[in-house]
Amino acid sequence: MHKRLQASHAFTLVELLVVIGIISVLIGVLLPALTSVRRSANETKCKANLKQIHVGMVLYANDNRDRFPDPATLGRFAYRRPPGARTPGDPAALPETYGLAAVLHGIRTERFNPLTLPLPKARYIDGTSGIWVCPGQPDYMQEIGNTYAFSLNTNLAKWDSFRRGRERDTVTVVFDNVTLRPGLTGFIGPFSGYVLPQSQRPYPHRLRRGGIRGAICELKLGGHVVLTEVN
């Protein structure tokens, strides 16, 4: 009697296959939804990062005659490592003192010796914080410590807040980097040979209309962020 009771509660092969089939269907239904939620969360975080960077740029302008950083201050190359970092494997590299992250951290190259002093206290935005990393970028980009490139438009250093207000919707100032390797740390560019091949370019976001092609977040001069398709 006891043995019969045990046998009646055992799973048959057909029942086991049905359970596995149901689980497979549920995974197939839920996985795309989870992926979509994760992408949406990454996009939201990226946009929040860029808006905080814009706040830092405005604070910088308040202390610098109402002007944004000029290309020379930024190191004449649009994509840089975090302040204090060095280009791995390059003995010529110095600790990074150029780039938007370094400028908003408060580093001024004429006053700071990176070989003897630690990083100063952050003035506008900590250049080594997670604000500079988009979670939608692949791991090899996030490990650099900065995933955002910045504009070297010479007009940015000339325009006051009134002119920036007139151009607020047309000019991009910071954006997800997908085309460059970071420039040689501690030196002013431009640098040649630092462009990523097409096959290695990351696509951190997707357009919500379901397109297969990638997209990047762009911070406009007025402080708003848009999602733009890239090739």
Protein backbone atom coordinates (compact mmCIF):
# COMPACT_ATOMS: atom_id res chain seq x y z
CA MET A 1 0.00 0.00 0.00
CA HIS A 2 2.79 2.40 0.93
CA LYS A 3 4.72 1.59 -2.23
CA ARG A 4 1.64 2.21 -4.41
CA LEU A 5 1.17 5.62 -2.79
CA GLN A 6 4.75 6.58 -3.55
CA ALA A 7 4.44 5.45 -7.15
CA SER A 8 1.26 7.46 -7.71
CA HIS A 9 3.08 10.68 -6.71
CA ALA A 10 6.06 10.23 -9.05
CA PHE A 11 6.39 12.41 -12.20
CA THR A 12 5.99 10.62 -15.48
CA LEU A 13 8.26 11.47 -18.41
CA VAL A 14 5.40 13.19 -20.19
CA GLU A 15 4.61 15.38 -17.15
CA LEU A 16 8.28 16.33 -16.79
CA LEU A 17 8.48 17.33 -20.46
CA VAL A 18 5.32 19.42 -20.09
CA VAL A 19 6.79 21.27 -17.08
CA ILE A 20 10.05 21.91 -18.95
CA GLY A 21 8.07 23.16 -21.94
CA ILE A 22 6.06 25.58 -19.80
CA ILE A 23 9.23 26.93 -18.16
CA SER A 24 10.85 27.41 -21.58
CA VAL A 25 7.83 29.33 -22.84
CA LEU A 26 7.82 31.57 -19.74
CA ILE A 27 11.53 32.30 -20.16
CA GLY A 28 10.96 33.10 -23.82
CA VAL A 29 8.19 35.54 -22.91
CA LEU A 30 9.89 37.20 -19.92
CA LEU A 31 13.47 37.50 -21.20
CA PRO A 32 12.76 40.13 -23.89
CA ALA A 33 10.71 42.12 -21.38
CA LEU A 34 13.56 42.01 -18.85
CA THR A 35 16.03 43.06 -21.53
CA SER A 36 13.80 45.97 -22.49
CA VAL A 37 13.49 47.06 -18.84
CA ARG A 38 17.26 46.91 -18.38
CA ARG A 39 17.86 48.97 -21.52
CA SER A 40 15.31 51.53 -20.40
CA ALA A 41 16.97 51.77 -16.97
CA ASN A 42 20.40 52.22 -18.59
CA GLU A 43 19.05 54.97 -20.83
CA THR A 44 17.47 56.76 -17.86
CA LYS A 45 20.71 56.59 -15.87
CA CYS A 46 22.73 57.81 -18.85
CA LYS A 47 20.42 60.80 -19.32
CA ALA A 48 20.66 61.62 -15.61
CA ASN A 49 24.47 61.49 -15.83
CA LEU A 50 24.54 63.90 -18.75
CA LYS A 51 22.17 66.33 -17.04
CA GLN A 52 24.45 66.36 -13.97
CA ILE A 53 27.42 67.02 -16.23
CA HIS A 54 25.53 69.98 -17.71
CA VAL A 55 24.97 71.36 -14.22
CA GLY A 56 28.72 71.08 -13.61
CA MET A 57 29.44 72.93 -16.86
CA VAL A 58 27.09 75.75 -15.87
CA LEU A 59 28.80 76.03 -12.48
CA TYR A 60 32.15 76.14 -14.26
CA ALA A 61 30.86 78.92 -16.51
CA ASN A 62 29.70 80.90 -13.47
CA ASP A 63 33.32 80.97 -12.26
CA ASN A 64 34.89 81.58 -15.69
CA ARG A 65 33.37 84.72 -17.23
CA ASP A 66 30.20 82.87 -18.27
CA ARG A 67 32.11 80.64 -20.70
CA PHE A 68 32.30 76.87 -21.12
CA PRO A 69 35.77 75.18 -21.31
CA ASP A 70 37.78 75.90 -24.47
CA PRO A 71 39.43 73.19 -26.63
CA ALA A 72 42.95 73.89 -25.28
CA THR A 73 41.77 73.49 -21.68
CA LEU A 74 40.09 70.23 -22.66
CA GLY A 75 43.30 68.94 -24.27
CA ARG A 76 42.25 69.21 -27.93
CA PHE A 77 40.94 65.66 -28.04
CA ALA A 78 37.30 64.74 -27.56
CA TYR A 79 37.62 61.59 -25.45
CA ARG A 80 39.77 61.28 -22.32
CA ARG A 81 40.39 59.01 -19.35
CA PRO A 82 39.42 60.17 -15.82
CA PRO A 83 41.73 62.67 -14.10
CA GLY A 84 44.82 61.03 -12.59
CA ALA A 85 44.58 57.91 -14.79
CA ARG A 86 47.38 56.86 -17.14
CA THR A 87 47.25 55.25 -20.57
CA PRO A 88 48.01 51.56 -19.83
CA GLY A 89 51.24 50.20 -21.27
CA ASP A 90 52.53 53.56 -22.52
CA PRO A 91 55.65 54.75 -20.65
CA ALA A 92 55.27 58.23 -22.20
CA ALA A 93 51.87 58.77 -20.59
CA LEU A 94 51.44 61.12 -17.63
CA PRO A 95 48.53 61.20 -15.19
CA GLU A 96 45.53 62.70 -16.98
CA THR A 97 44.95 66.39 -16.36
CA TYR A 98 42.96 67.17 -19.53
CA GLY A 99 39.40 66.44 -20.61
CA LEU A 100 36.00 67.54 -19.38
CA ALA A 101 36.09 65.25 -16.33
CA ALA A 102 39.40 66.79 -15.20
CA VAL A 103 38.20 70.35 -15.83
CA LEU A 104 34.97 69.87 -13.89
CA HIS A 105 36.89 68.11 -11.13
CA GLY A 106 38.69 71.43 -10.76
CA ILE A 107 42.15 70.53 -12.05
CA ARG A 108 44.08 73.42 -13.59
CA THR A 109 47.23 72.19 -15.28
CA GLU A 110 49.20 75.36 -14.53
CA ARG A 111 48.59 74.90 -10.78
CA PHE A 112 48.68 71.13 -10.39
CA ASN A 113 51.66 68.78 -10.55
CA PRO A 114 50.21 65.30 -11.10
CA LEU A 115 53.58 63.64 -10.48
CA THR A 116 53.83 64.79 -6.88
CA LEU A 117 50.34 65.62 -5.67
CA PRO A 118 47.12 63.62 -5.24
CA LEU A 119 43.95 64.74 -6.94
CA PRO A 120 42.48 67.84 -5.32
CA LYS A 121 39.03 67.84 -3.82
CA ALA A 122 36.35 67.88 -6.54
CA ARG A 123 35.08 71.38 -7.27
CA TYR A 124 32.11 70.85 -9.59
CA ILE A 125 31.88 67.09 -10.28
CA ASP A 126 34.16 64.31 -9.09
CA GLY A 127 35.99 63.26 -12.24
CA THR A 128 36.39 59.70 -10.98
CA SER A 129 32.75 59.12 -10.00
CA GLY A 130 30.17 56.90 -11.67
CA ILE A 131 28.54 59.97 -13.21
CA TRP A 132 31.03 59.60 -16.07
CA VAL A 133 30.05 56.01 -16.90
CA CYS A 134 26.98 55.04 -18.91
CA PRO A 135 25.72 51.60 -17.72
CA GLY A 136 24.59 50.81 -21.26
CA GLN A 137 28.17 50.74 -22.53
CA PRO A 138 30.01 47.37 -22.72
CA ASP A 139 32.39 46.35 -19.94
CA TYR A 140 35.56 47.29 -21.84
CA MET A 141 34.27 50.85 -22.15
CA GLN A 142 33.10 51.11 -18.55
CA GLU A 143 36.49 49.89 -17.30
CA ILE A 144 38.11 53.02 -18.78
CA GLY A 145 36.24 55.05 -16.14
CA ASN A 146 34.69 57.48 -18.61
CA THR A 147 32.32 56.66 -21.47
CA TYR A 148 31.46 60.21 -22.58
CA ALA A 149 33.07 62.27 -25.32
CA PHE A 150 32.74 66.05 -25.50
CA SER A 151 32.55 68.74 -28.14
CA LEU A 152 35.61 70.75 -29.15
CA ASN A 153 33.48 73.40 -30.85
CA THR A 154 35.49 76.60 -30.45
CA ASN A 155 32.28 78.63 -30.21
CA LEU A 156 31.49 77.06 -26.83
CA ALA A 157 34.33 79.05 -25.28
CA LYS A 158 33.08 82.28 -26.90
CA TRP A 159 29.34 82.09 -26.30
CA ASP A 160 27.92 83.56 -23.14
CA SER A 161 24.72 82.25 -21.56
CA PHE A 162 22.58 84.43 -23.87
CA ARG A 163 24.13 82.96 -27.03
CA ARG A 164 24.04 79.45 -25.56
CA GLY A 165 20.33 79.99 -24.97
CA ARG A 166 19.83 80.83 -28.66
CA GLU A 167 21.69 77.68 -29.76
CA ARG A 168 20.33 75.47 -26.98
CA ASP A 169 18.57 72.91 -29.21
CA THR A 170 21.06 72.62 -32.06
CA VAL A 171 24.48 72.14 -30.47
CA THR A 172 25.62 68.91 -28.81
CA VAL A 173 28.15 69.31 -25.99
CA VAL A 174 28.58 65.82 -24.45
CA PHE A 175 27.61 62.41 -25.82
CA ASP A 176 28.10 58.65 -25.53
CA ASN A 177 31.47 57.83 -27.05
CA VAL A 178 31.31 55.19 -29.78
CA THR A 179 34.08 56.21 -32.18
CA LEU A 180 37.27 56.99 -30.22
CA ARG A 181 39.85 55.40 -28.00
CA PRO A 182 40.93 57.71 -25.14
CA GLY A 183 43.73 60.10 -26.02
CA LEU A 184 47.24 59.82 -24.55
CA THR A 185 46.92 60.91 -20.93
CA GLY A 186 48.64 64.05 -19.76
CA PHE A 187 49.25 65.45 -23.25
CA ILE A 188 47.44 67.89 -25.51
CA GLY A 189 46.20 66.44 -28.79
CA PRO A 190 45.05 66.06 -31.43
CA PHE A 191 46.09 62.43 -31.80
CA SER A 192 46.02 60.30 -34.92
CA GLY A 193 45.12 56.61 -35.04
CA TYR A 194 42.69 56.76 -32.11
CA VAL A 195 39.52 56.01 -34.09
CA LEU A 196 37.75 52.72 -33.36
CA PRO A 197 37.11 50.43 -36.34
CA GLN A 198 33.45 50.17 -37.32
CA SER A 199 33.28 46.58 -36.05
CA GLN A 200 34.43 47.61 -32.54
CA ARG A 201 32.10 50.54 -31.99
CA PRO A 202 29.68 50.02 -29.09
CA TYR A 203 25.99 50.85 -29.28
CA PRO A 204 24.87 51.63 -25.71
CA HIS A 205 21.17 52.20 -26.46
CA ARG A 206 18.37 51.24 -28.83
CA LEU A 207 15.69 53.43 -30.31
CA ARG A 208 12.30 52.84 -28.72
CA ARG A 209 10.64 52.37 -32.07
CA GLY A 210 12.31 48.95 -32.17
CA GLY A 211 15.05 49.60 -34.69
CA ILE A 212 17.99 47.20 -34.78
CA ARG A 213 20.57 49.96 -35.20
CA GLY A 214 22.20 51.52 -32.17
CA ALA A 215 21.65 54.91 -30.56
CA ILE A 216 23.53 57.29 -28.28
CA CYS A 217 22.46 59.89 -25.74
CA GLU A 218 23.45 63.45 -26.59
CA LEU A 219 23.49 66.38 -24.18
CA LYS A 220 22.38 69.56 -25.91
CA LEU A 221 23.58 73.04 -25.06
CA GLY A 222 20.33 73.86 -23.28
CA GLY A 223 20.71 70.96 -20.84
CA HIS A 224 18.23 68.48 -22.33
CA VAL A 225 19.22 65.01 -23.56
CA VAL A 226 18.09 63.34 -26.78
CA LEU A 227 18.46 59.81 -28.12
CA THR A 228 20.07 59.82 -31.57
CA GLU A 229 20.51 56.93 -33.99
CA VAL A 230 24.09 56.19 -35.09
CA ASN A 231 25.46 54.06 -37.90
